[in-house]
């Protein structure tokens, strides 16, 4: 799997804060990039349901993770409880 970009966003929490990152594996140190790509490959990220969210509390975070490859793009939205 040739990952071109990973987008991460965390929103919510008690203060309603937003944190986001746009990661290109080529910009990471080689060992970090290799570990990240192996984990994504092992978990078959593109097969995970798009919504993995159960009941949420008022102060929990919501996470959105998007993985882009040359062949597909897949986003998963999840929360603290899942």
N, C-alpha and C. Protein backbone atom coordinates (compact mmCIF):
# COMPACT_ATOMS: atom_id res chain seq x y z
N UNK A 1 0.85 -1.17 0.00
CA UNK A 1 0.00 0.00 0.00
C UNK A 1 0.89 1.24 0.00
N UNK A 2 0.68 2.08 -0.96
CA UNK A 2 1.47 3.31 -1.06
C UNK A 2 0.65 4.49 -0.53
N UNK A 3 0.83 4.80 0.73
CA UNK A 3 0.11 5.90 1.37
C UNK A 3 0.75 7.21 0.96
N UNK A 4 -0.09 8.11 0.47
CA UNK A 4 0.40 9.42 0.05
C UNK A 4 0.20 10.47 1.14
N UNK A 5 -0.89 10.32 1.91
CA UNK A 5 -1.19 11.34 2.92
C UNK A 5 -2.11 10.74 3.97
N UNK A 6 -1.93 11.23 5.19
CA UNK A 6 -2.81 10.88 6.30
C UNK A 6 -3.27 12.18 6.93
N UNK A 7 -4.59 12.32 7.06
CA UNK A 7 -5.16 13.50 7.69
C UNK A 7 -5.78 13.07 9.02
N UNK A 8 -5.46 13.81 10.06
CA UNK A 8 -5.96 13.50 11.40
C UNK A 8 -6.59 14.75 11.98
N UNK A 9 -7.77 14.58 12.58
CA UNK A 9 -8.42 15.71 13.23
C UNK A 9 -9.10 15.22 14.50
N UNK A 10 -8.88 15.95 15.60
CA UNK A 10 -9.55 15.66 16.87
C UNK A 10 -10.35 16.89 17.26
N UNK A 11 -11.64 16.70 17.50
CA UNK A 11 -12.50 17.81 17.88
C UNK A 11 -13.26 17.44 19.14
N UNK A 12 -13.81 18.47 19.78
CA UNK A 12 -14.65 18.24 20.95
C UNK A 12 -13.91 18.40 22.24
N UNK A 13 -14.31 17.59 23.19
CA UNK A 13 -13.75 17.70 24.53
C UNK A 13 -14.44 18.81 25.30
N UNK A 14 -14.07 18.96 26.53
CA UNK A 14 -14.70 19.92 27.42
C UNK A 14 -14.63 21.35 26.86
N UNK A 15 -13.49 21.71 26.29
CA UNK A 15 -13.30 23.07 25.78
C UNK A 15 -13.63 23.21 24.30
N UNK A 16 -14.03 22.12 23.65
CA UNK A 16 -14.36 22.18 22.23
C UNK A 16 -13.17 22.47 21.34
N UNK A 17 -12.00 22.01 21.75
CA UNK A 17 -10.78 22.30 21.00
C UNK A 17 -10.65 21.42 19.76
N UNK A 18 -9.93 21.94 18.76
CA UNK A 18 -9.67 21.21 17.52
C UNK A 18 -8.16 21.11 17.32
N UNK A 19 -7.71 19.91 17.03
CA UNK A 19 -6.31 19.67 16.69
C UNK A 19 -6.31 18.92 15.36
N UNK A 20 -5.47 19.35 14.43
CA UNK A 20 -5.42 18.69 13.12
C UNK A 20 -3.98 18.55 12.66
N UNK A 21 -3.75 17.50 11.89
CA UNK A 21 -2.43 17.27 11.30
C UNK A 21 -2.62 16.67 9.92
N UNK A 22 -1.74 17.05 9.03
CA UNK A 22 -1.71 16.54 7.66
C UNK A 22 -0.32 15.94 7.48
N UNK A 23 -0.24 14.62 7.37
CA UNK A 23 1.04 13.92 7.39
C UNK A 23 1.30 13.25 6.05
N UNK A 24 2.49 13.46 5.54
CA UNK A 24 2.96 12.74 4.36
C UNK A 24 4.09 11.82 4.83
N UNK A 25 3.94 10.51 4.64
CA UNK A 25 4.96 9.58 5.13
C UNK A 25 6.37 9.91 4.69
N UNK A 26 6.54 10.47 3.50
CA UNK A 26 7.87 10.82 3.02
C UNK A 26 8.53 11.90 3.87
N UNK A 27 7.73 12.66 4.62
CA UNK A 27 8.27 13.73 5.46
C UNK A 27 8.69 13.23 6.85
N UNK A 28 8.34 11.99 7.18
CA UNK A 28 8.67 11.42 8.48
C UNK A 28 10.04 10.74 8.44
N UNK A 29 10.68 10.60 9.60
CA UNK A 29 11.89 9.78 9.64
C UNK A 29 11.55 8.37 9.14
N UNK A 30 12.50 7.74 8.48
CA UNK A 30 12.26 6.45 7.82
C UNK A 30 11.64 5.41 8.75
N UNK A 31 12.15 5.28 9.97
CA UNK A 31 11.64 4.27 10.89
C UNK A 31 10.19 4.55 11.28
N UNK A 32 9.84 5.81 11.53
CA UNK A 32 8.46 6.16 11.87
C UNK A 32 7.53 5.89 10.70
N UNK A 33 7.95 6.27 9.52
CA UNK A 33 7.12 6.05 8.32
C UNK A 33 6.89 4.56 8.10
N UNK A 34 7.93 3.77 8.24
CA UNK A 34 7.81 2.32 8.03
C UNK A 34 6.84 1.71 9.05
N UNK A 35 6.97 2.09 10.32
CA UNK A 35 6.09 1.57 11.36
C UNK A 35 4.64 1.95 11.09
N UNK A 36 4.40 3.19 10.74
CA UNK A 36 3.06 3.67 10.46
C UNK A 36 2.44 2.93 9.28
N UNK A 37 3.19 2.77 8.22
CA UNK A 37 2.68 2.10 7.02
C UNK A 37 2.43 0.61 7.28
N UNK A 38 3.27 -0.01 8.09
CA UNK A 38 3.05 -1.42 8.44
C UNK A 38 1.77 -1.57 9.26
N UNK A 39 1.55 -0.68 10.21
CA UNK A 39 0.32 -0.74 11.01
C UNK A 39 -0.92 -0.55 10.14
N UNK A 40 -0.88 0.40 9.24
CA UNK A 40 -2.02 0.63 8.35
C UNK A 40 -2.28 -0.59 7.46
N UNK A 41 -1.21 -1.20 6.97
CA UNK A 41 -1.35 -2.39 6.14
C UNK A 41 -1.90 -3.57 6.92
N UNK A 42 -1.41 -3.75 8.15
CA UNK A 42 -1.86 -4.87 8.98
C UNK A 42 -3.33 -4.75 9.35
N UNK A 43 -3.83 -3.55 9.51
CA UNK A 43 -5.22 -3.37 9.96
C UNK A 43 -6.19 -3.24 8.80
N UNK A 44 -5.74 -3.28 7.56
CA UNK A 44 -6.63 -3.12 6.40
C UNK A 44 -7.52 -1.89 6.60
N UNK A 45 -6.90 -0.73 6.75
CA UNK A 45 -7.61 0.50 7.09
C UNK A 45 -8.80 0.76 6.18
N UNK A 46 -8.67 0.51 4.88
CA UNK A 46 -9.76 0.80 3.95
C UNK A 46 -10.97 -0.12 4.14
N UNK A 47 -10.84 -1.15 4.99
CA UNK A 47 -11.96 -2.05 5.28
C UNK A 47 -12.69 -1.68 6.57
N UNK A 48 -12.17 -0.73 7.33
CA UNK A 48 -12.80 -0.31 8.59
C UNK A 48 -14.05 0.50 8.24
N UNK A 49 -15.16 0.28 8.95
CA UNK A 49 -16.37 1.07 8.68
C UNK A 49 -16.10 2.58 8.83
N UNK A 50 -16.81 3.37 8.05
CA UNK A 50 -16.59 4.81 8.08
C UNK A 50 -16.99 5.45 9.40
N UNK A 51 -17.93 4.86 10.10
CA UNK A 51 -18.37 5.41 11.38
C UNK A 51 -18.21 4.36 12.47
N UNK A 52 -17.34 4.63 13.42
CA UNK A 52 -17.09 3.74 14.54
C UNK A 52 -17.36 4.50 15.84
N UNK A 53 -18.54 5.02 15.95
CA UNK A 53 -18.85 5.88 17.08
C UNK A 53 -20.00 5.29 17.86
N UNK A 54 -19.81 5.15 19.16
CA UNK A 54 -20.91 4.72 20.01
C UNK A 54 -21.40 5.93 20.78
N UNK A 55 -22.20 5.70 21.79
CA UNK A 55 -22.73 6.82 22.56
C UNK A 55 -21.59 7.71 23.03
N UNK A 56 -21.79 9.00 22.92
CA UNK A 56 -20.72 9.91 23.31
C UNK A 56 -21.18 10.79 24.46
N UNK A 57 -20.22 11.17 25.27
CA UNK A 57 -20.49 12.09 26.37
C UNK A 57 -20.19 13.51 25.91
N UNK A 58 -20.61 14.44 26.69
CA UNK A 58 -20.46 15.85 26.33
C UNK A 58 -19.00 16.27 26.21
N UNK A 59 -18.11 15.64 26.95
CA UNK A 59 -16.72 16.08 26.95
C UNK A 59 -15.78 15.11 26.24
N UNK A 60 -16.31 14.21 25.44
CA UNK A 60 -15.46 13.26 24.73
C UNK A 60 -14.98 13.86 23.41
N UNK A 61 -13.91 13.29 22.90
CA UNK A 61 -13.35 13.72 21.63
C UNK A 61 -13.91 12.89 20.48
N UNK A 62 -13.95 13.50 19.31
CA UNK A 62 -14.26 12.82 18.05
C UNK A 62 -13.00 12.89 17.19
N UNK A 63 -12.66 11.77 16.57
CA UNK A 63 -11.47 11.66 15.74
C UNK A 63 -11.87 11.35 14.30
N UNK A 64 -11.27 12.04 13.37
CA UNK A 64 -11.45 11.77 11.95
C UNK A 64 -10.08 11.47 11.36
N UNK A 65 -9.94 10.28 10.77
CA UNK A 65 -8.68 9.87 10.18
C UNK A 65 -8.93 9.52 8.72
N UNK A 66 -8.22 10.18 7.83
CA UNK A 66 -8.33 9.92 6.40
C UNK A 66 -6.98 9.44 5.88
N UNK A 67 -7.00 8.33 5.16
CA UNK A 67 -5.80 7.81 4.52
C UNK A 67 -6.01 7.88 3.02
N UNK A 68 -5.06 8.50 2.33
CA UNK A 68 -5.11 8.62 0.87
C UNK A 68 -3.97 7.80 0.27
N UNK A 69 -4.31 6.97 -0.71
CA UNK A 69 -3.30 6.24 -1.47
C UNK A 69 -3.50 6.61 -2.95
N UNK A 70 -2.69 6.05 -3.79
CA UNK A 70 -2.84 6.32 -5.23
C UNK A 70 -4.10 5.65 -5.79
N UNK A 71 -4.67 4.66 -5.05
CA UNK A 71 -5.82 3.92 -5.55
C UNK A 71 -7.13 4.21 -4.82
N UNK A 72 -7.06 4.68 -3.57
CA UNK A 72 -8.28 4.92 -2.81
C UNK A 72 -8.05 5.97 -1.72
N UNK A 73 -9.16 6.48 -1.21
CA UNK A 73 -9.17 7.38 -0.06
C UNK A 73 -10.27 6.89 0.88
N UNK A 74 -9.95 6.81 2.17
CA UNK A 74 -10.93 6.28 3.13
C UNK A 74 -10.84 7.09 4.42
N UNK A 75 -12.00 7.48 4.95
CA UNK A 75 -12.09 8.23 6.20
C UNK A 75 -12.85 7.42 7.23
N UNK A 76 -12.33 7.42 8.43
CA UNK A 76 -12.97 6.78 9.57
C UNK A 76 -13.20 7.85 10.64
N UNK A 77 -14.43 7.90 11.17
CA UNK A 77 -14.76 8.82 12.25
C UNK A 77 -15.08 7.97 13.47
N UNK A 78 -14.42 8.28 14.58
CA UNK A 78 -14.58 7.50 15.80
C UNK A 78 -14.54 8.42 17.00
N UNK A 79 -14.77 7.87 18.16
CA UNK A 79 -14.77 8.65 19.38
C UNK A 79 -13.99 7.96 20.48
N UNK A 80 -13.91 8.62 21.64
CA UNK A 80 -13.16 8.07 22.76
C UNK A 80 -13.67 6.70 23.20
N UNK A 81 -14.97 6.53 23.19
CA UNK A 81 -15.52 5.28 23.72
C UNK A 81 -15.36 4.09 22.77
N UNK A 82 -15.09 4.33 21.50
CA UNK A 82 -14.90 3.23 20.59
C UNK A 82 -13.44 3.06 20.27
